[in-house]
C-alpha atoms as a PDB file:
ATOM      1  CA  UNK A   1     121.774  88.355  95.514  1.00  0.00           C
ATOM      2  CA  UNK A   2     120.840  85.855  92.881  1.00  0.00           C
ATOM      3  CA  UNK A   3     117.079  86.380  92.681  1.00  0.00           C
ATOM      4  CA  UNK A   4     115.146  89.478  91.696  1.00  0.00           C
ATOM      5  CA  UNK A   5     114.029  91.739  94.524  1.00  0.00           C
ATOM      6  CA  UNK A   6     110.482  91.612  93.131  1.00  0.00           C
ATOM      7  CA  UNK A   7     110.497  87.842  93.692  1.00  0.00           C
ATOM      8  CA  UNK A   8     110.781  88.481  97.449  1.00  0.00           C
ATOM      9  CA  UNK A   9     107.300  90.047  97.457  1.00  0.00           C
ATOM     10  CA  UNK A  10     104.574  87.739  98.728  1.00  0.00           C
ATOM     11  CA  UNK A  11     101.767  86.894  96.286  1.00  0.00           C
ATOM     12  CA  UNK A  12      99.289  88.660  98.563  1.00  0.00           C
ATOM     13  CA  UNK A  13     100.453  92.110  99.577  1.00  0.00           C
ATOM     14  CA  UNK A  14      99.875  93.053 103.227  1.00  0.00           C
ATOM     15  CA  UNK A  15      97.100  95.581 103.944  1.00  0.00           C
ATOM     16  CA  UNK A  16      99.629  98.263 105.002  1.00  0.00           C
ATOM     17  CA  UNK A  17     101.334  98.012 101.599  1.00  0.00           C
ATOM     18  CA  UNK A  18      98.051  98.077  99.693  1.00  0.00           C
ATOM     19  CA  UNK A  19      97.079 101.192 101.664  1.00  0.00           C
ATOM     20  CA  UNK A  20     100.431 102.873 100.994  1.00  0.00           C
ATOM     21  CA  UNK A  21     100.064 102.233  97.263  1.00  0.00           C
ATOM     22  CA  UNK A  22      96.563 103.747  97.138  1.00  0.00           C
ATOM     23  CA  UNK A  23      96.851 107.401  96.026  1.00  0.00           C
ATOM     24  CA  UNK A  24      93.531 108.221  97.712  1.00  0.00           C
ATOM     25  CA  UNK A  25      94.960 107.375 101.138  1.00  0.00           C
ATOM     26  CA  UNK A  26      96.493 110.062 103.388  1.00  0.00           C
ATOM     27  CA  UNK A  27     100.174 110.733 103.922  1.00  0.00           C
ATOM     28  CA  UNK A  28     102.073 112.008 106.954  1.00  0.00           C
ATOM     29  CA  UNK A  29     103.124 115.651 107.287  1.00  0.00           C
ATOM     30  CA  UNK A  30     106.419 114.549 105.722  1.00  0.00           C
ATOM     31  CA  UNK A  31     104.451 113.138 102.737  1.00  0.00           C
ATOM     32  CA  UNK A  32     105.147 109.530 103.743  1.00  0.00           C
ATOM     33  CA  UNK A  33     102.707 106.691 103.244  1.00  0.00           C
ATOM     34  CA  UNK A  34     104.768 104.038 104.993  1.00  0.00           C
ATOM     35  CA  UNK A  35     108.196 103.409 106.470  1.00  0.00           C
ATOM     36  CA  UNK A  36     109.570  99.969 107.071  1.00  0.00           C
ATOM     37  CA  UNK A  37     112.122  98.388 109.324  1.00  0.00           C
ATOM     38  CA  UNK A  38     113.360  94.846 109.662  1.00  0.00           C
ATOM     39  CA  UNK A  39     114.604  92.480 112.303  1.00  0.00           C
ATOM     40  CA  UNK A  40     115.740  88.875 112.203  1.00  0.00           C
ATOM     41  CA  UNK A  41     113.381  86.271 113.663  1.00  0.00           C
ATOM     42  CA  UNK A  42     114.975  82.967 114.642  1.00  0.00           C
ATOM     43  CA  UNK A  43     111.485  81.538 115.169  1.00  0.00           C
ATOM     44  CA  UNK A  44     110.405  82.405 111.594  1.00  0.00           C
ATOM     45  CA  UNK A  45     113.806  81.719 110.045  1.00  0.00           C
ATOM     46  CA  UNK A  46     114.305  84.992 108.270  1.00  0.00           C
ATOM     47  CA  UNK A  47     114.394  88.758 108.249  1.00  0.00           C
ATOM     48  CA  UNK A  48     110.985  90.268 109.008  1.00  0.00           C
ATOM     49  CA  UNK A  49     110.057  93.448 107.125  1.00  0.00           C
ATOM     50  CA  UNK A  50     107.335  95.432 108.904  1.00  0.00           C
ATOM     51  CA  UNK A  51     105.762  98.903 108.793  1.00  0.00           C
ATOM     52  CA  UNK A  52     106.692 101.582 111.308  1.00  0.00           C
ATOM     53  CA  UNK A  53     103.800 103.787 110.148  1.00  0.00           C
ATOM     54  CA  UNK A  54     100.308 102.327 110.441  1.00  0.00           C
ATOM     55  CA  UNK A  55      96.771 103.564 110.012  1.00  0.00           C
ATOM     56  CA  UNK A  56      94.747 103.539 113.234  1.00  0.00           C
ATOM     57  CA  UNK A  57      91.022 102.869 113.646  1.00  0.00           C
ATOM     58  CA  UNK A  58      90.247 106.568 113.078  1.00  0.00           C
ATOM     59  CA  UNK A  59      92.021 106.562 109.708  1.00  0.00           C
ATOM     60  CA  UNK A  60      95.023 108.516 111.003  1.00  0.00           C
ATOM     61  CA  UNK A  61      98.587 107.527 110.208  1.00  0.00           C
ATOM     62  CA  UNK A  62     100.567 106.775 113.354  1.00  0.00           C
ATOM     63  CA  UNK A  63     104.349 106.460 113.522  1.00  0.00           C
ATOM     64  CA  UNK A  64     105.833 104.076 116.075  1.00  0.00           C
ATOM     65  CA  UNK A  65     108.610 105.715 118.090  1.00  0.00           C
ATOM     66  CA  UNK A  66     110.095 102.329 118.998  1.00  0.00           C
ATOM     67  CA  UNK A  67     110.739  99.759 116.270  1.00  0.00           C
ATOM     68  CA  UNK A  68     110.055  96.978 118.783  1.00  0.00           C
ATOM     69  CA  UNK A  69     106.463  98.208 119.198  1.00  0.00           C
ATOM     70  CA  UNK A  70     106.052  98.245 115.408  1.00  0.00           C
ATOM     71  CA  UNK A  71     107.515  94.723 115.216  1.00  0.00           C
ATOM     72  CA  UNK A  72     105.113  93.455 117.909  1.00  0.00           C
ATOM     73  CA  UNK A  73     102.143  95.060 116.141  1.00  0.00           C
ATOM     74  CA  UNK A  74     103.125  93.375 112.891  1.00  0.00           C
ATOM     75  CA  UNK A  75     103.579  90.016 114.604  1.00  0.00           C
ATOM     76  CA  UNK A  76     100.102  90.329 116.159  1.00  0.00           C
ATOM     77  CA  UNK A  77      98.537  91.359 112.840  1.00  0.00           C
ATOM     78  CA  UNK A  78     100.600  88.770 110.943  1.00  0.00           C
ATOM     79  CA  UNK A  79     101.128  91.366 108.211  1.00  0.00           C
ATOM     80  CA  UNK A  80     104.910  91.295 107.961  1.00  0.00           C
ATOM     81  CA  UNK A  81     106.893  90.225 104.915  1.00  0.00           C
ATOM     82  CA  UNK A  82     109.312  87.384 105.639  1.00  0.00           C
ATOM     83  CA  UNK A  83     112.605  87.207 103.776  1.00  0.00           C
ATOM     84  CA  UNK A  84     113.736  83.641 104.500  1.00  0.00           C
ATOM     85  CA  UNK A  85     117.394  83.005 105.167  1.00  0.00           C
ATOM     86  CA  UNK A  86     120.081  82.683 107.786  1.00  0.00           C
ATOM     87  CA  UNK A  87     120.841  85.422 110.305  1.00  0.00           C
ATOM     88  CA  UNK A  88     123.532  87.092 108.239  1.00  0.00           C
ATOM     89  CA  UNK A  89     124.348  90.247 106.304  1.00  0.00           C
ATOM     90  CA  UNK A  90     123.053  88.834 102.995  1.00  0.00           C
ATOM     91  CA  UNK A  91     119.567  88.219 104.388  1.00  0.00           C
ATOM     92  CA  UNK A  92     119.525  91.710 105.926  1.00  0.00           C
ATOM     93  CA  UNK A  93     120.582  93.223 102.586  1.00  0.00           C
ATOM     94  CA  UNK A  94     117.711  91.434 100.841  1.00  0.00           C
ATOM     95  CA  UNK A  95     115.285  92.997 103.337  1.00  0.00           C
ATOM     96  CA  UNK A  96     116.809  96.444 102.722  1.00  0.00           C
ATOM     97  CA  UNK A  97     116.617  95.952  98.952  1.00  0.00           C
ATOM     98  CA  UNK A  98     112.962  94.901  99.232  1.00  0.00           C
ATOM     99  CA  UNK A  99     112.184  97.936 101.398  1.00  0.00           C
ATOM    100  CA  UNK A 100     113.738 100.238  98.761  1.00  0.00           C
ATOM    101  CA  UNK A 101     111.842  98.418  96.000  1.00  0.00           C
ATOM    102  CA  UNK A 102     108.574  98.924  97.882  1.00  0.00           C
ATOM    103  CA  UNK A 103     109.276 102.634  98.344  1.00  0.00           C
ATOM    104  CA  UNK A 104     110.895 103.503  95.016  1.00  0.00           C
ATOM    105  CA  UNK A 105     108.972 101.248  92.635  1.00  0.00           C
ATOM    106  CA  UNK A 106     105.679 100.068  94.075  1.00  0.00           C
ATOM    107  CA  UNK A 107     104.595 103.104  96.100  1.00  0.00           C
ATOM    108  CA  UNK A 108     106.168 105.833  93.968  1.00  0.00           C
ATOM    109  CA  UNK A 109     104.881 104.166  90.799  1.00  0.00           C
ATOM    110  CA  UNK A 110     101.342 103.759  92.087  1.00  0.00           C
ATOM    111  CA  UNK A 111     101.199 107.346  93.340  1.00  0.00           C
ATOM    112  CA  UNK A 112     102.762 108.928  90.232  1.00  0.00           C
ATOM    113  CA  UNK A 113     100.716 111.488  88.275  1.00  0.00           C
ATOM    114  CA  UNK A 114      98.534 109.893  85.630  1.00  0.00           C
ATOM    115  CA  UNK A 115      99.903 112.177  82.910  1.00  0.00           C
ATOM    116  CA  UNK A 116     102.977 110.089  82.124  1.00  0.00           C
ATOM    117  CA  UNK A 117     105.292 112.222  84.274  1.00  0.00           C
ATOM    118  CA  UNK A 118     107.987 110.267  86.060  1.00  0.00           C
ATOM    119  CA  UNK A 119     108.972 111.528  89.503  1.00  0.00           C
ATOM    120  CA  UNK A 120     112.526 110.747  90.586  1.00  0.00           C
ATOM    121  CA  UNK A 121     113.279 110.673  94.300  1.00  0.00           C
ATOM    122  CA  UNK A 122     116.322 112.540  95.557  1.00  0.00           C
ATOM    123  CA  UNK A 123     118.993 110.224  96.911  1.00  0.00           C
END
């Protein structure tokens, strides 16, 4: 891929990612803080990474049943992460790698016990 996956992260993290990294925030019944999906946007010139679990106005986590609804919500909120590139497999793989980095490194690391214990996710 050439560049580090961490370099794909925007300087300012979207609110949904900040929330997911905050250990005081709730999780779903399946112990999830966020799920992401991606879709290519010709208009933006890249793969758009967006959350499929959001917090509503009542502080409840809501999962979108249709990825298109989640995409539209992210476009309206302008809180997606854009991975610039052509509409090809390489750009899609960068988005997937960034999604895994967010889940496995950023979120898992920020929600790890403060006693030095490292939690490994099952693959």
